[in-house]
Protein backbone atom coordinates (compact mmCIF):
# COMPACT_ATOMS: atom_id res chain seq x y z
CA MET A 1 0.07 0.07 0.36
CA GLU A 2 1.44 3.46 -1.03
CA ASN A 3 1.72 6.24 1.67
CA THR A 4 -0.53 9.23 1.28
CA PRO A 5 1.36 12.32 0.69
CA VAL A 6 0.86 14.86 3.45
CA THR A 7 -0.51 18.08 2.15
CA GLN A 8 -1.31 19.73 5.37
CA ILE A 9 -0.37 19.97 8.83
CA THR A 10 -3.00 20.57 11.64
CA ASP A 11 -2.40 21.24 15.31
CA ALA A 12 -4.57 20.29 18.45
CA ASN A 13 -6.87 23.43 18.06
CA GLY A 14 -7.57 22.78 14.23
CA ASN A 15 -5.40 25.66 12.96
CA CYS A 16 -4.02 24.52 9.53
CA ALA A 17 -1.20 24.81 7.87
CA THR A 18 -0.84 23.31 4.34
CA ILE A 19 2.90 22.28 2.80
CA VAL A 20 2.13 24.10 -0.76
CA HIS A 21 1.60 27.55 0.78
CA TRP A 22 4.85 27.36 3.12
CA GLY A 23 6.90 25.23 0.54
CA SER A 24 7.94 22.43 3.16
CA GLU A 25 6.23 20.44 6.38
CA GLU A 26 8.90 21.56 8.29
CA ALA A 27 7.78 25.10 7.15
CA ALA A 28 4.30 24.55 7.63
CA ARG A 29 4.57 22.80 11.21
CA ALA A 30 6.64 25.89 12.50
CA SER A 31 4.27 28.34 11.45
CA LEU A 32 1.64 26.34 13.62
CA LYS A 33 4.23 26.83 16.84
CA THR A 34 3.89 30.71 16.40
CA LEU A 35 0.29 30.25 17.09
CA GLU A 36 -1.09 31.17 20.38
CA ASN A 37 -4.43 30.48 21.45
CA CYS A 38 -5.42 30.52 18.11
CA SER A 39 -8.18 28.16 16.64
CA ASP A 40 -9.48 27.05 13.19
CA CYS A 41 -7.28 29.38 11.38
CA LEU A 42 -5.39 28.54 7.91
CA ASN A 43 -1.69 29.13 7.22
CA CYS A 44 -1.13 31.73 9.57
CA SER A 45 1.76 32.91 11.66
CA ASP A 46 2.72 34.88 14.93
CA CYS A 47 -1.25 35.37 15.70
CA LEU A 48 -2.67 35.26 19.05
CA ASN A 49 -6.25 34.45 20.19
CA CYS A 50 -7.41 34.90 16.50
CA TRP A 51 -10.54 32.31 14.96
CA ARG A 52 -10.96 31.19 11.29
CA CYS A 53 -8.63 33.44 9.75
CA VAL A 54 -6.57 32.95 6.65
CA ASN A 55 -2.88 34.10 5.52
CA CYS A 56 -2.66 36.49 8.46
CA SER A 57 0.22 37.44 10.23
CA GLY A 58 1.09 39.03 13.22
CA CYS A 59 -2.68 39.57 14.34
CA SER A 60 -4.87 39.65 17.56
CA ASP A 61 -8.26 38.60 18.99
CA CYS A 62 -9.47 38.51 14.96
CA SER A 63 -11.71 36.39 13.36
CA SER A 64 -12.41 35.71 9.67
CA CYS A 65 -9.83 37.83 8.48
CA LEU A 66 -8.27 37.33 5.26
CA ASP A 67 -4.69 38.30 4.60
CA CYS A 68 -3.97 41.04 7.29
CA THR A 69 -1.23 41.61 9.07
CA ASP A 70 -0.87 43.50 12.14
CA CYS A 71 -4.18 44.08 12.83
CA THR A 72 -6.17 44.08 16.31
CA ASP A 73 -9.87 42.81 17.36
CA CYS A 74 -10.55 42.75 13.74
CA SER A 75 -13.51 40.70 12.01
CA SER A 76 -14.15 39.45 8.51
CA CYS A 77 -11.54 41.90 6.86
CA LEU A 78 -9.55 41.44 3.82
CA ASP A 79 -5.95 42.35 3.06
CA CYS A 80 -5.53 45.21 5.84
CA LEU A 81 -2.71 46.33 7.34
CA ASP A 82 -2.06 47.64 11.40
CA CYS A 83 -6.01 48.10 12.06
CA SER A 84 -7.76 47.92 15.03
CA ASP A 85 -11.63 46.85 15.92
CA CYS A 86 -12.23 47.12 12.17
CA SER A 87 -14.90 44.75 10.33
CA TYR A 88 -15.75 43.59 6.76
CA CYS A 89 -13.10 46.16 5.17
CA ALA A 90 -11.34 44.96 2.11
CA GLU A 91 -7.97 46.27 0.22
CA CYS A 92 -7.74 49.52 1.72
CA PRO A 93 -4.58 50.71 0.08
CA SER A 94 -2.08 53.33 1.81
CA CYS A 95 -4.46 53.04 4.87
CA MET A 96 -2.72 52.40 8.19
CA SER A 97 -3.40 52.64 12.12
CA CYS A 98 -7.03 52.60 11.44
CA LEU A 99 -9.82 52.39 14.37
CA HIS A 100 -13.24 51.40 14.44
CA CYS A 101 -13.59 51.17 10.82
CA LEU A 102 -16.52 49.11 9.56
CA HIS A 103 -17.35 48.33 5.54
CA CYS A 104 -14.70 50.56 4.03
CA SER A 105 -13.18 49.22 0.96
CA ASN A 106 -10.68 50.80 -1.86
CA CYS A 107 -9.77 53.75 0.36
CA SER A 108 -6.81 56.08 -0.50
CA ASP A 109 -3.99 57.61 1.30
CA CYS A 110 -5.59 57.31 5.10
CA SER A 111 -3.93 57.10 7.66
CA ASN A 112 -4.70 57.24 11.57
CA CYS A 113 -8.45 56.81 10.74
CA SER A 114 -11.21 56.40 13.21
CA GLY A 115 -14.72 55.66 13.23
CA CYS A 116 -14.98 55.09 8.86
CA TYR A 117 -17.97 53.91 7.54
CA GLY A 118 -18.77 52.38 4.15
CA LYS A 119 -16.36 53.85 2.20
CA LYS A 120 -16.55 52.04 -1.01
CA LYS A 121 -15.30 53.31 -4.12
CA ASN A 122 -18.06 53.53 -6.91
CA VAL A 123 -20.55 51.31 -4.66
CA SER A 124 -23.78 52.69 -3.57
CA ASP A 125 -24.87 49.70 -1.32
CA HIS A 126 -21.61 49.51 1.17
CA LEU A 127 -23.31 46.65 2.72
CA GLN A 128 -22.41 43.09 2.82
CA PRO A 129 -24.81 41.06 0.87
CA PRO A 130 -26.68 38.26 2.68
CA ILE A 131 -24.94 34.73 3.05
CA PRO A 132 -26.64 32.18 1.24
CA ILE A 133 -26.96 28.75 2.53
CA ILE A 134 -26.69 25.36 0.45
CA SER A 135 -28.67 22.58 1.77
CA GLY A 136 -26.45 19.64 2.06
CA ILE A 137 -23.38 21.65 0.67
CA HIS A 138 -20.68 18.97 0.80
CA GLN A 139 -23.04 16.82 -1.24
CA ALA A 140 -23.69 19.46 -3.48
CA ILE A 141 -20.35 20.56 -4.27
CA TYR A 142 -18.93 17.09 -4.45
CA ALA A 143 -21.62 16.07 -7.07
CA ALA A 144 -21.21 19.03 -9.23
CA ALA A 145 -17.30 19.31 -9.40
CA SER A 146 -16.34 15.53 -9.53
CA LYS A 147 -18.06 15.47 -12.94
CA LEU A 148 -16.06 14.74 -16.23
CA ALA A 149 -14.11 18.06 -16.36
CA ALA A 150 -16.13 19.87 -14.02
CA LEU A 151 -13.11 20.93 -11.75
CA ASP A 152 -10.46 22.98 -12.54
CA MET A 153 -8.56 24.31 -9.51
CA SER A 154 -6.29 26.86 -11.82
CA SER A 155 -9.00 29.06 -12.51
CA TRP A 156 -11.89 30.46 -10.54
CA HIS A 157 -14.52 30.16 -13.56
CA THR A 158 -13.47 28.41 -16.45
CA CYS A 159 -16.86 27.83 -18.33
CA LYS A 160 -20.34 27.47 -17.05
CA THR A 161 -19.78 23.93 -16.30
CA THR A 162 -16.18 24.24 -14.97
CA HIS A 163 -14.93 26.06 -11.89
CA CYS A 164 -12.53 25.67 -9.22
CA ARG A 165 -14.05 24.66 -5.36
CA ALA A 166 -14.47 27.89 -4.43
CA GLY A 167 -16.11 28.56 -7.75
CA TRP A 168 -18.40 26.22 -7.34
CA VAL A 169 -19.58 26.76 -4.07
CA VAL A 170 -20.47 30.57 -5.34
CA THR A 171 -21.97 29.12 -8.43
CA LEU A 172 -24.45 26.79 -6.54
CA ALA A 173 -25.50 29.57 -4.32
CA GLY A 174 -27.50 31.37 -7.41
CA GLU A 175 -27.43 34.79 -7.18
CA ALA A 176 -26.74 35.66 -3.80
CA GLY A 177 -23.71 33.63 -4.59
CA LYS A 178 -22.55 35.61 -7.40
CA ALA A 179 -23.04 39.08 -5.41
CA LEU A 180 -21.22 37.76 -2.35
CA GLU A 181 -18.51 37.14 -4.65
CA GLN A 182 -18.17 40.53 -6.05
CA TYR A 183 -18.43 42.21 -2.70
CA TRP A 184 -15.39 40.12 -1.45
CA THR A 185 -13.51 37.66 -3.62
CA THR A 186 -14.27 34.09 -4.89
CA ASN A 187 -12.32 32.40 -1.88
CA HIS A 188 -13.32 34.25 0.56
CA ALA A 189 -17.38 34.18 -0.27
CA ALA A 190 -16.76 30.54 -0.69
CA TRP A 191 -15.42 30.41 3.12
CA LEU A 192 -18.30 32.27 4.19
CA ILE A 193 -21.14 30.25 2.38
CA TYR A 194 -19.06 27.05 3.91
CA LYS A 195 -19.35 28.42 7.53
CA ALA A 196 -22.79 29.66 7.03
CA SER A 197 -24.22 26.18 5.16
CA ASP A 198 -22.07 23.96 7.88
CA PRO A 199 -21.40 25.58 10.91
CA GLN A 200 -19.81 22.12 12.35
CA ILE A 201 -16.69 22.68 9.42
CA LYS A 202 -13.81 22.52 11.35
CA TYR A 203 -11.27 24.52 8.86
CA ARG A 204 -11.10 26.18 5.99
CA PRO A 205 -10.93 24.29 2.66
CA ASP A 206 -7.53 24.72 0.58
CA PHE A 207 -8.94 26.57 -2.50
CA PHE A 208 -5.10 26.51 -3.89
CA CYS A 209 -4.25 22.50 -3.79
CA THR A 210 -4.46 20.21 -6.79
CA ASN A 211 -7.65 18.80 -8.25
CA GLU A 212 -6.81 15.60 -7.12
CA GLN A 213 -6.19 16.97 -3.66
CA ALA A 214 -9.52 19.29 -3.67
CA LEU A 215 -11.87 15.77 -4.52
CA ALA A 216 -10.22 13.90 -2.16
CA ASP A 217 -11.02 16.13 0.87
CA MET A 218 -14.65 17.30 -0.69
CA LYS A 219 -15.41 13.80 -0.91
CA ARG A 220 -14.42 13.02 2.72
CA LEU A 221 -16.61 16.61 3.85
CA ALA A 222 -19.66 14.66 1.70
CA ASP A 223 -19.22 11.24 3.04
CA GLU A 224 -19.21 12.61 6.44
CA GLU A 225 -22.54 14.53 5.97
CA ALA A 226 -24.20 11.67 4.48
CA VAL A 227 -23.58 9.97 7.77
CA ARG A 228 -24.72 12.79 9.55
CA GLU A 229 -28.19 13.04 7.95
CA ARG A 230 -28.71 9.07 8.55
CA PRO A 231 -31.65 8.23 10.76
CA GLY A 232 -30.82 8.18 14.19
CA LYS A 233 -27.54 9.92 13.54
């Protein structure tokens, strides 16, 4: 029997480090050791008391953030730097040391902001669209992605019948999924839909792995979901 190659390392708190992100198993294990009291995070380092964040560094008391650095007490932010007590902000270039911001996006040349609200450029509605729920999400995603030529992890959307894993999530979520994707990004929107559809999910899926790795993980989750749905479970 061939040994299954290690693709990710998970610690006792559900934090996950993928080999493809860190470059080696040794580096992935080392990154997990830098996390203190964090849980269910993916590919983060040097963080404290965070939950369900991805690719963040040097943050503390944050939740569901993506690609942030040196932030504190933030929630569902994307690509922020040195912010504090912010929520649902995204890709604010040149901003730093912000405080109590909400729903900001595409700001420019900000410094030491305080109490910002809804600064989305060229978008009239600053509020995040509702997060859709896909019933039986794991079985639905695996059924769609496992069809012939239906999965291509190299592109969010190749055509109407071929998507990556995250692309299938937002596609199966319909117009609500598309709206959430346009507000955030494909992978962050997919993660929000995953969490809303399955509150028991333990870690953020790896949206940047190979087709084979993605299918194997989708099948595992679909099988576990099917078992949970059996009568008496």
